[in-house]
PDB file of N, CA and C in Angstrom:
ATOM      1  N   MET A   1      81.810 150.098 182.235  1.00  0.00           N
ATOM      2  CA  MET A   1      81.792 150.024 183.776  1.00  0.00           C
ATOM      3  C   MET A   1      83.371 149.548 183.036  1.00  0.00           C
ATOM      4  N   ARG A   2      84.543 149.127 183.957  1.00  0.00           N
ATOM      5  CA  ARG A   2      85.231 148.236 183.595  1.00  0.00           C
ATOM      6  C   ARG A   2      85.098 146.815 183.421  1.00  0.00           C
ATOM      7  N   LYS A   3      85.784 145.659 182.939  1.00  0.00           N
ATOM      8  CA  LYS A   3      85.485 144.663 182.516  1.00  0.00           C
ATOM      9  C   LYS A   3      86.713 143.931 184.250  1.00  0.00           C
ATOM     10  N   SER A   4      86.208 143.143 184.700  1.00  0.00           N
ATOM     11  CA  SER A   4      87.334 142.748 185.642  1.00  0.00           C
ATOM     12  C   SER A   4      88.177 141.544 185.190  1.00  0.00           C
ATOM     13  N   LYS A   5      89.226 140.952 185.790  1.00  0.00           N
ATOM     14  CA  LYS A   5      90.012 140.071 185.537  1.00  0.00           C
ATOM     15  C   LYS A   5      89.939 138.523 186.137  1.00  0.00           C
ATOM     16  N   PHE A   6      88.749 138.846 186.649  1.00  0.00           N
ATOM     17  CA  PHE A   6      88.834 137.910 187.593  1.00  0.00           C
ATOM     18  C   PHE A   6      87.174 137.276 186.818  1.00  0.00           C
ATOM     19  N   THR A   7      87.147 135.814 187.063  1.00  0.00           N
ATOM     20  CA  THR A   7      85.606 135.504 186.657  1.00  0.00           C
ATOM     21  C   THR A   7      84.272 135.444 187.968  1.00  0.00           C
ATOM     22  N   ASP A   8      83.379 135.329 187.659  1.00  0.00           N
ATOM     23  CA  ASP A   8      82.805 135.135 188.885  1.00  0.00           C
ATOM     24  C   ASP A   8      82.703 133.570 189.835  1.00  0.00           C
ATOM     25  N   SER A   9      83.320 133.369 188.897  1.00  0.00           N
ATOM     26  CA  SER A   9      83.491 132.215 189.659  1.00  0.00           C
ATOM     27  C   SER A   9      85.191 132.065 190.658  1.00  0.00           C
ATOM     28  N   GLN A  10      85.752 132.782 189.995  1.00  0.00           N
ATOM     29  CA  GLN A  10      86.744 133.224 190.844  1.00  0.00           C
ATOM     30  C   GLN A  10      86.377 134.237 192.221  1.00  0.00           C
ATOM     31  N   ILE A  11      86.004 134.621 191.864  1.00  0.00           N
ATOM     32  CA  ILE A  11      85.247 135.275 192.886  1.00  0.00           C
ATOM     33  C   ILE A  11      84.312 134.778 194.275  1.00  0.00           C
ATOM     34  N   MET A  12      83.561 134.115 193.629  1.00  0.00           N
ATOM     35  CA  MET A  12      82.788 132.690 194.810  1.00  0.00           C
ATOM     36  C   MET A  12      84.332 132.460 195.822  1.00  0.00           C
ATOM     37  N   ALA A  13      84.808 131.900 195.190  1.00  0.00           N
ATOM     38  CA  ALA A  13      85.947 130.025 195.805  1.00  0.00           C
ATOM     39  C   ALA A  13      86.590 131.283 197.110  1.00  0.00           C
ATOM     40  N   MET A  14      86.393 132.388 195.379  1.00  0.00           N
ATOM     41  CA  MET A  14      87.694 133.475 197.429  1.00  0.00           C
ATOM     42  C   MET A  14      86.744 133.612 198.329  1.00  0.00           C
ATOM     43  N   LEU A  15      85.528 134.234 198.166  1.00  0.00           N
ATOM     44  CA  LEU A  15      85.137 134.470 199.182  1.00  0.00           C
ATOM     45  C   LEU A  15      84.547 132.608 199.603  1.00  0.00           C
ATOM     46  N   LYS A  16      83.816 131.705 199.433  1.00  0.00           N
ATOM     47  CA  LYS A  16      84.135 130.850 199.846  1.00  0.00           C
ATOM     48  C   LYS A  16      85.467 130.250 200.826  1.00  0.00           C
ATOM     49  N   GLN A  17      86.792 130.660 200.384  1.00  0.00           N
ATOM     50  CA  GLN A  17      87.670 130.225 201.269  1.00  0.00           C
ATOM     51  C   GLN A  17      88.100 131.116 202.148  1.00  0.00           C
ATOM     52  N   ALA A  18      87.422 131.821 202.535  1.00  0.00           N
ATOM     53  CA  ALA A  18      87.685 133.792 203.409  1.00  0.00           C
ATOM     54  C   ALA A  18      86.248 132.957 204.683  1.00  0.00           C
ATOM     55  N   LYS A  19      85.135 132.607 204.290  1.00  0.00           N
ATOM     56  CA  LYS A  19      84.491 131.612 204.819  1.00  0.00           C
ATOM     57  C   LYS A  19      85.038 130.812 205.345  1.00  0.00           C
ATOM     58  N   SER A  20      85.281 129.998 204.598  1.00  0.00           N
ATOM     59  CA  SER A  20      86.022 128.427 205.481  1.00  0.00           C
ATOM     60  C   SER A  20      87.500 128.732 206.826  1.00  0.00           C
ATOM     61  N   GLY A  21      87.852 130.223 207.141  1.00  0.00           N
ATOM     62  CA  GLY A  21      88.432 130.374 207.578  1.00  0.00           C
ATOM     63  C   GLY A  21      90.289 131.118 207.533  1.00  0.00           C
ATOM     64  N   ILE A  22      90.668 131.279 206.035  1.00  0.00           N
ATOM     65  CA  ILE A  22      91.459 131.396 205.771  1.00  0.00           C
ATOM     66  C   ILE A  22      91.561 132.528 205.124  1.00  0.00           C
ATOM     67  N   PRO A  23      93.062 132.808 206.143  1.00  0.00           N
ATOM     68  CA  PRO A  23      92.886 134.359 206.361  1.00  0.00           C
ATOM     69  C   PRO A  23      93.117 135.639 204.937  1.00  0.00           C
ATOM     70  N   ILE A  24      92.018 136.685 204.907  1.00  0.00           N
ATOM     71  CA  ILE A  24      91.671 137.460 203.671  1.00  0.00           C
ATOM     72  C   ILE A  24      93.283 137.164 203.259  1.00  0.00           C
ATOM     73  N   GLN A  25      93.477 137.964 204.031  1.00  0.00           N
ATOM     74  CA  GLN A  25      95.507 138.796 203.307  1.00  0.00           C
ATOM     75  C   GLN A  25      96.481 137.510 203.000  1.00  0.00           C
ATOM     76  N   ASP A  26      95.597 136.459 202.981  1.00  0.00           N
ATOM     77  CA  ASP A  26      96.507 134.737 201.920  1.00  0.00           C
ATOM     78  C   ASP A  26      95.404 134.760 200.842  1.00  0.00           C
ATOM     79  N   ILE A  27      94.382 134.602 201.669  1.00  0.00           N
ATOM     80  CA  ILE A  27      93.386 134.940 199.518  1.00  0.00           C
ATOM     81  C   ILE A  27      93.886 136.070 198.795  1.00  0.00           C
ATOM     82  N   CYS A  28      94.347 137.227 199.413  1.00  0.00           N
ATOM     83  CA  CYS A  28      94.370 138.268 198.360  1.00  0.00           C
ATOM     84  C   CYS A  28      95.762 138.427 197.714  1.00  0.00           C
ATOM     85  N   ARG A  29      97.292 138.442 197.756  1.00  0.00           N
ATOM     86  CA  ARG A  29      98.056 137.965 198.297  1.00  0.00           C
ATOM     87  C   ARG A  29      98.057 136.692 197.013  1.00  0.00           C
ATOM     88  N   ASP A  30      97.384 135.546 197.572  1.00  0.00           N
ATOM     89  CA  ASP A  30      97.975 134.186 196.467  1.00  0.00           C
ATOM     90  C   ASP A  30      97.115 134.747 195.412  1.00  0.00           C
ATOM     91  N   ASN A  31      95.770 135.606 195.111  1.00  0.00           N
ATOM     92  CA  ASN A  31      94.945 135.887 194.316  1.00  0.00           C
ATOM     93  C   ASN A  31      95.685 137.065 193.402  1.00  0.00           C
ATOM     94  N   GLY A  32      96.301 137.540 193.759  1.00  0.00           N
ATOM     95  CA  GLY A  32      96.676 139.210 193.407  1.00  0.00           C
ATOM     96  C   GLY A  32      95.607 140.223 193.413  1.00  0.00           C
ATOM     97  N   VAL A  33      95.314 140.727 194.947  1.00  0.00           N
ATOM     98  CA  VAL A  33      94.093 140.971 195.035  1.00  0.00           C
ATOM     99  C   VAL A  33      93.781 141.410 195.700  1.00  0.00           C
ATOM    100  N   SER A  34      93.607 143.444 196.336  1.00  0.00           N
ATOM    101  CA  SER A  34      93.936 144.761 197.292  1.00  0.00           C
ATOM    102  C   SER A  34      92.750 143.629 198.509  1.00  0.00           C
ATOM    103  N   THR A  35      93.013 144.207 199.563  1.00  0.00           N
ATOM    104  CA  THR A  35      91.731 143.662 200.369  1.00  0.00           C
ATOM    105  C   THR A  35      91.020 143.818 200.490  1.00  0.00           C
ATOM    106  N   ALA A  36      90.654 145.488 199.830  1.00  0.00           N
ATOM    107  CA  ALA A  36      89.592 146.030 199.872  1.00  0.00           C
ATOM    108  C   ALA A  36      88.986 145.573 198.801  1.00  0.00           C
ATOM    109  N   MET A  37      89.412 145.224 196.939  1.00  0.00           N
ATOM    110  CA  MET A  37      88.348 144.432 196.321  1.00  0.00           C
ATOM    111  C   MET A  37      88.163 143.388 196.874  1.00  0.00           C
ATOM    112  N   PHE A  38      87.971 142.746 197.691  1.00  0.00           N
ATOM    113  CA  PHE A  38      88.058 141.704 198.811  1.00  0.00           C
ATOM    114  C   PHE A  38      86.846 142.086 199.233  1.00  0.00           C
ATOM    115  N   TYR A  39      87.133 142.871 200.572  1.00  0.00           N
ATOM    116  CA  TYR A  39      85.391 143.788 200.780  1.00  0.00           C
ATOM    117  C   TYR A  39      84.361 143.829 200.319  1.00  0.00           C
ATOM    118  N   ARG A  40      84.868 144.479 199.038  1.00  0.00           N
ATOM    119  CA  ARG A  40      84.139 145.608 197.930  1.00  0.00           C
ATOM    120  C   ARG A  40      83.423 144.241 197.573  1.00  0.00           C
ATOM    121  N   TRP A  41      83.860 143.228 196.795  1.00  0.00           N
ATOM    122  CA  TRP A  41      83.402 141.746 196.797  1.00  0.00           C
ATOM    123  C   TRP A  41      82.944 141.000 197.227  1.00  0.00           C
ATOM    124  N   ARG A  42      82.706 141.103 198.787  1.00  0.00           N
ATOM    125  CA  ARG A  42      82.197 140.405 199.603  1.00  0.00           C
ATOM    126  C   ARG A  42      80.661 141.843 199.968  1.00  0.00           C
ATOM    127  N   SER A  43      80.939 142.524 200.184  1.00  0.00           N
ATOM    128  CA  SER A  43      79.612 143.566 200.315  1.00  0.00           C
ATOM    129  C   SER A  43      79.057 142.860 199.415  1.00  0.00           C
ATOM    130  N   LYS A  44      79.382 143.469 198.563  1.00  0.00           N
ATOM    131  CA  LYS A  44      78.094 142.739 196.945  1.00  0.00           C
ATOM    132  C   LYS A  44      77.810 141.365 196.295  1.00  0.00           C
ATOM    133  N   TYR A  45      78.907 140.912 197.279  1.00  0.00           N
ATOM    134  CA  TYR A  45      78.604 139.176 195.863  1.00  0.00           C
ATOM    135  C   TYR A  45      78.086 138.493 197.126  1.00  0.00           C
ATOM    136  N   GLY A  46      78.333 138.319 198.681  1.00  0.00           N
ATOM    137  CA  GLY A  46      78.206 137.909 199.988  1.00  0.00           C
ATOM    138  C   GLY A  46      76.940 136.907 200.282  1.00  0.00           C
ATOM    139  N   GLY A  47      76.835 135.604 199.981  1.00  0.00           N
ATOM    140  CA  GLY A  47      75.375 134.751 200.043  1.00  0.00           C
ATOM    141  C   GLY A  47      75.051 134.353 198.369  1.00  0.00           C
ATOM    142  N   MET A  48      76.016 134.689 197.908  1.00  0.00           N
ATOM    143  CA  MET A  48      74.287 134.582 196.596  1.00  0.00           C
ATOM    144  C   MET A  48      75.908 133.751 196.102  1.00  0.00           C
ATOM    145  N   ASP A  49      75.513 133.254 195.323  1.00  0.00           N
ATOM    146  CA  ASP A  49      75.802 131.638 194.301  1.00  0.00           C
ATOM    147  C   ASP A  49      76.793 131.844 193.227  1.00  0.00           C
ATOM    148  N   THR A  50      76.887 131.536 192.494  1.00  0.00           N
ATOM    149  CA  THR A  50      77.095 132.219 190.587  1.00  0.00           C
ATOM    150  C   THR A  50      76.499 132.438 190.316  1.00  0.00           C
ATOM    151  N   SER A  51      74.998 131.914 190.719  1.00  0.00           N
ATOM    152  CA  SER A  51      74.564 131.489 188.961  1.00  0.00           C
ATOM    153  C   SER A  51      74.346 133.564 189.002  1.00  0.00           C
ATOM    154  N   MET A  52      74.094 134.032 190.757  1.00  0.00           N
ATOM    155  CA  MET A  52      72.683 135.084 191.463  1.00  0.00           C
ATOM    156  C   MET A  52      74.068 135.753 190.589  1.00  0.00           C
ATOM    157  N   VAL A  53      75.060 135.358 190.091  1.00  0.00           N
ATOM    158  CA  VAL A  53      75.827 136.604 190.457  1.00  0.00           C
ATOM    159  C   VAL A  53      75.726 137.349 188.924  1.00  0.00           C
ATOM    160  N   LYS A  54      76.241 136.220 188.451  1.00  0.00           N
ATOM    161  CA  LYS A  54      75.619 136.174 186.685  1.00  0.00           C
ATOM    162  C   LYS A  54      74.448 136.827 186.358  1.00  0.00           C
ATOM    163  N   ARG A  55      73.536 136.316 187.090  1.00  0.00           N
ATOM    164  CA  ARG A  55      72.020 137.171 186.765  1.00  0.00           C
ATOM    165  C   ARG A  55      72.334 138.088 187.170  1.00  0.00           C
ATOM    166  N   LEU A  56      72.417 138.980 188.373  1.00  0.00           N
ATOM    167  CA  LEU A  56      73.309 140.257 188.953  1.00  0.00           C
ATOM    168  C   LEU A  56      73.942 140.763 187.738  1.00  0.00           C
ATOM    169  N   LYS A  57      74.554 140.587 187.388  1.00  0.00           N
ATOM    170  CA  LYS A  57      75.679 140.800 186.157  1.00  0.00           C
ATOM    171  C   LYS A  57      74.468 141.363 184.580  1.00  0.00           C
ATOM    172  N   GLU A  58      74.167 140.520 184.878  1.00  0.00           N
ATOM    173  CA  GLU A  58      73.503 141.143 182.855  1.00  0.00           C
ATOM    174  C   GLU A  58      71.833 142.062 183.719  1.00  0.00           C
ATOM    175  N   LEU A  59      71.320 141.868 184.681  1.00  0.00           N
ATOM    176  CA  LEU A  59      70.467 142.646 185.551  1.00  0.00           C
ATOM    177  C   LEU A  59      71.084 143.901 184.908  1.00  0.00           C
ATOM    178  N   GLU A  60      72.237 144.187 185.841  1.00  0.00           N
ATOM    179  CA  GLU A  60      73.177 146.362 185.283  1.00  0.00           C
ATOM    180  C   GLU A  60      73.623 146.366 184.419  1.00  0.00           C
ATOM    181  N   ARG A  61      73.371 145.661 182.921  1.00  0.00           N
ATOM    182  CA  ARG A  61      74.183 145.815 182.456  1.00  0.00           C
ATOM    183  C   ARG A  61      71.956 146.200 181.110  1.00  0.00           C
ATOM    184  N   GLU A  62      71.772 145.422 182.018  1.00  0.00           N
ATOM    185  CA  GLU A  62      70.148 146.086 181.067  1.00  0.00           C
ATOM    186  C   GLU A  62      69.263 147.441 181.263  1.00  0.00           C
ATOM    187  N   ASN A  63      70.265 147.324 182.656  1.00  0.00           N
ATOM    188  CA  ASN A  63      69.903 148.597 183.332  1.00  0.00           C
ATOM    189  C   ASN A  63      70.535 149.630 182.913  1.00  0.00           C
ATOM    190  N   ALA A  64      71.737 149.661 182.776  1.00  0.00           N
ATOM    191  CA  ALA A  64      72.250 150.819 181.904  1.00  0.00           C
ATOM    192  C   ALA A  64      71.948 151.138 180.850  1.00  0.00           C
ATOM    193  N   LEU A  65      71.658 150.035 180.089  1.00  0.00           N
ATOM    194  CA  LEU A  65      70.937 150.265 178.125  1.00  0.00           C
ATOM    195  C   LEU A  65      69.455 150.381 178.567  1.00  0.00           C
ATOM    196  N   LEU A  66      68.358 150.850 180.311  1.00  0.00           N
ATOM    197  CA  LEU A  66      67.363 150.968 179.372  1.00  0.00           C
ATOM    198  C   LEU A  66      67.629 152.780 179.713  1.00  0.00           C
ATOM    199  N   LYS A  67      68.241 152.651 180.972  1.00  0.00           N
ATOM    200  CA  LYS A  67      69.159 154.659 181.245  1.00  0.00           C
ATOM    201  C   LYS A  67      69.316 155.363 180.203  1.00  0.00           C
ATOM    202  N   LYS A  68      70.702 154.827 179.165  1.00  0.00           N
ATOM    203  CA  LYS A  68      70.660 154.740 178.453  1.00  0.00           C
ATOM    204  C   LYS A  68      69.834 155.537 177.095  1.00  0.00           C
ATOM    205  N   MET A  69      69.020 154.323 176.880  1.00  0.00           N
ATOM    206  CA  MET A  69      68.159 154.490 175.590  1.00  0.00           C
ATOM    207  C   MET A  69      66.476 155.902 176.436  1.00  0.00           C
ATOM    208  N   TYR A  70      66.048 156.036 177.599  1.00  0.00           N
ATOM    209  CA  TYR A  70      66.128 157.048 178.814  1.00  0.00           C
ATOM    210  C   TYR A  70      65.784 158.402 177.877  1.00  0.00           C
ATOM    211  N   ALA A  71      67.493 157.993 178.981  1.00  0.00           N
ATOM    212  CA  ALA A  71      68.382 159.686 178.022  1.00  0.00           C
ATOM    213  C   ALA A  71      68.496 160.219 176.381  1.00  0.00           C
ATOM    214  N   GLU A  72      68.621 159.581 176.361  1.00  0.00           N
ATOM    215  CA  GLU A  72      68.024 159.544 174.663  1.00  0.00           C
ATOM    216  C   GLU A  72      66.241 159.913 174.601  1.00  0.00           C
ATOM    217  N   GLU A  73      65.764 159.235 174.419  1.00  0.00           N
ATOM    218  CA  GLU A  73      64.518 159.502 174.043  1.00  0.00           C
ATOM    219  C   GLU A  73      63.637 161.265 174.788  1.00  0.00           C
ATOM    220  N   LYS A  74      64.432 161.626 176.294  1.00  0.00           N
ATOM    221  CA  LYS A  74      64.072 163.030 177.141  1.00  0.00           C
ATOM    222  C   LYS A  74      64.587 164.120 175.843  1.00  0.00           C
ATOM    223  N   LEU A  75      66.358 163.490 175.221  1.00  0.00           N
ATOM    224  CA  LEU A  75      66.319 164.762 175.286  1.00  0.00           C
ATOM    225  C   LEU A  75      65.768 164.839 173.953  1.00  0.00           C
ATOM    226  N   LYS A  76      65.727 163.830 173.389  1.00  0.00           N
ATOM    227  CA  LYS A  76      64.680 164.267 171.770  1.00  0.00           C
ATOM    228  C   LYS A  76      63.300 164.743 171.761  1.00  0.00           C
ATOM    229  N   ASN A  77      62.578 164.564 172.652  1.00  0.00           N
ATOM    230  CA  ASN A  77      61.572 165.330 173.189  1.00  0.00           C
ATOM    231  C   ASN A  77      61.339 166.942 174.168  1.00  0.00           C
ATOM    232  N   GLU A  78      63.076 167.253 173.947  1.00  0.00           N
ATOM    233  CA  GLU A  78      63.584 168.411 175.083  1.00  0.00           C
ATOM    234  C   GLU A  78      63.582 169.857 173.118  1.00  0.00           C
ATOM    235  N   ILE A  79      64.284 168.779 172.377  1.00  0.00           N
ATOM    236  CA  ILE A  79      64.266 168.968 171.300  1.00  0.00           C
ATOM    237  C   ILE A  79      63.308 169.498 170.830  1.00  0.00           C
ATOM    238  N   VAL A  80      62.352 168.317 170.726  1.00  0.00           N
ATOM    239  CA  VAL A  80      61.213 168.077 169.786  1.00  0.00           C
ATOM    240  C   VAL A  80      60.012 169.864 170.399  1.00  0.00           C
ATOM    241  N   THR A  81      60.392 169.613 171.974  1.00  0.00           N
ATOM    242  CA  THR A  81      59.581 170.437 172.467  1.00  0.00           C
ATOM    243  C   THR A  81      60.000 172.105 172.387  1.00  0.00           C
ATOM    244  N   ASP A  82      60.995 172.506 172.655  1.00  0.00           N
ATOM    245  CA  ASP A  82      61.851 173.498 171.917  1.00  0.00           C
ATOM    246  C   ASP A  82      61.363 173.898 171.179  1.00  0.00           C
ATOM    247  N   ALA A  83      61.771 173.701 169.868  1.00  0.00           N
ATOM    248  CA  ALA A  83      61.159 173.721 168.903  1.00  0.00           C
ATOM    249  C   ALA A  83      59.920 175.037 168.170  1.00  0.00           C
ATOM    250  N   LEU A  84      58.809 173.544 169.435  1.00  0.00           N
ATOM    251  CA  LEU A  84      57.496 173.999 169.132  1.00  0.00           C
ATOM    252  C   LEU A  84      57.008 174.587 169.662  1.00  0.00           C
ATOM    253  N   GLU A  85      57.379 175.393 170.974  1.00  0.00           N
ATOM    254  CA  GLU A  85      57.969 176.903 171.549  1.00  0.00           C
ATOM    255  C   GLU A  85      57.862 177.991 170.520  1.00  0.00           C
ATOM    256  N   LYS A  86      59.102 177.592 169.912  1.00  0.00           N
ATOM    257  CA  LYS A  86      59.120 179.108 169.185  1.00  0.00           C
ATOM    258  C   LYS A  86      57.898 179.827 167.802  1.00  0.00           C
ATOM    259  N   LYS A  87      58.308 181.278 167.848  1.00  0.00           N
ATOM    260  CA  LYS A  87      57.207 181.595 167.129  1.00  0.00           C
ATOM    261  C   LYS A  87      57.859 182.017 165.798  1.00  0.00           C
ATOM    262  N   TRP A  88      57.761 181.371 164.970  1.00  0.00           N
ATOM    263  CA  TRP A  88      58.252 181.678 163.689  1.00  0.00           C
ATOM    264  C   TRP A  88      58.010 182.750 163.094  1.00  0.00           C
TER     265      TRP A  88
END
């Protein structure tokens, strides 16, 4: 997954500016962000604070690691069952 050039606190600051009434186009232009990215952040992080965003990212990393581990173990299991099924 690609690393964002914006920190969690910067993203949250942009979302708070939008809640305070500053036009979204102005926020995006000042920070060099597309409006599509801003709306994506708003749908993903809306209503969260910075600590919750950090926890979410930590859980996403852990989930990706667990999925990778599961895929590796499943592959090993398939190799073993294929080897045992063959008649020598």
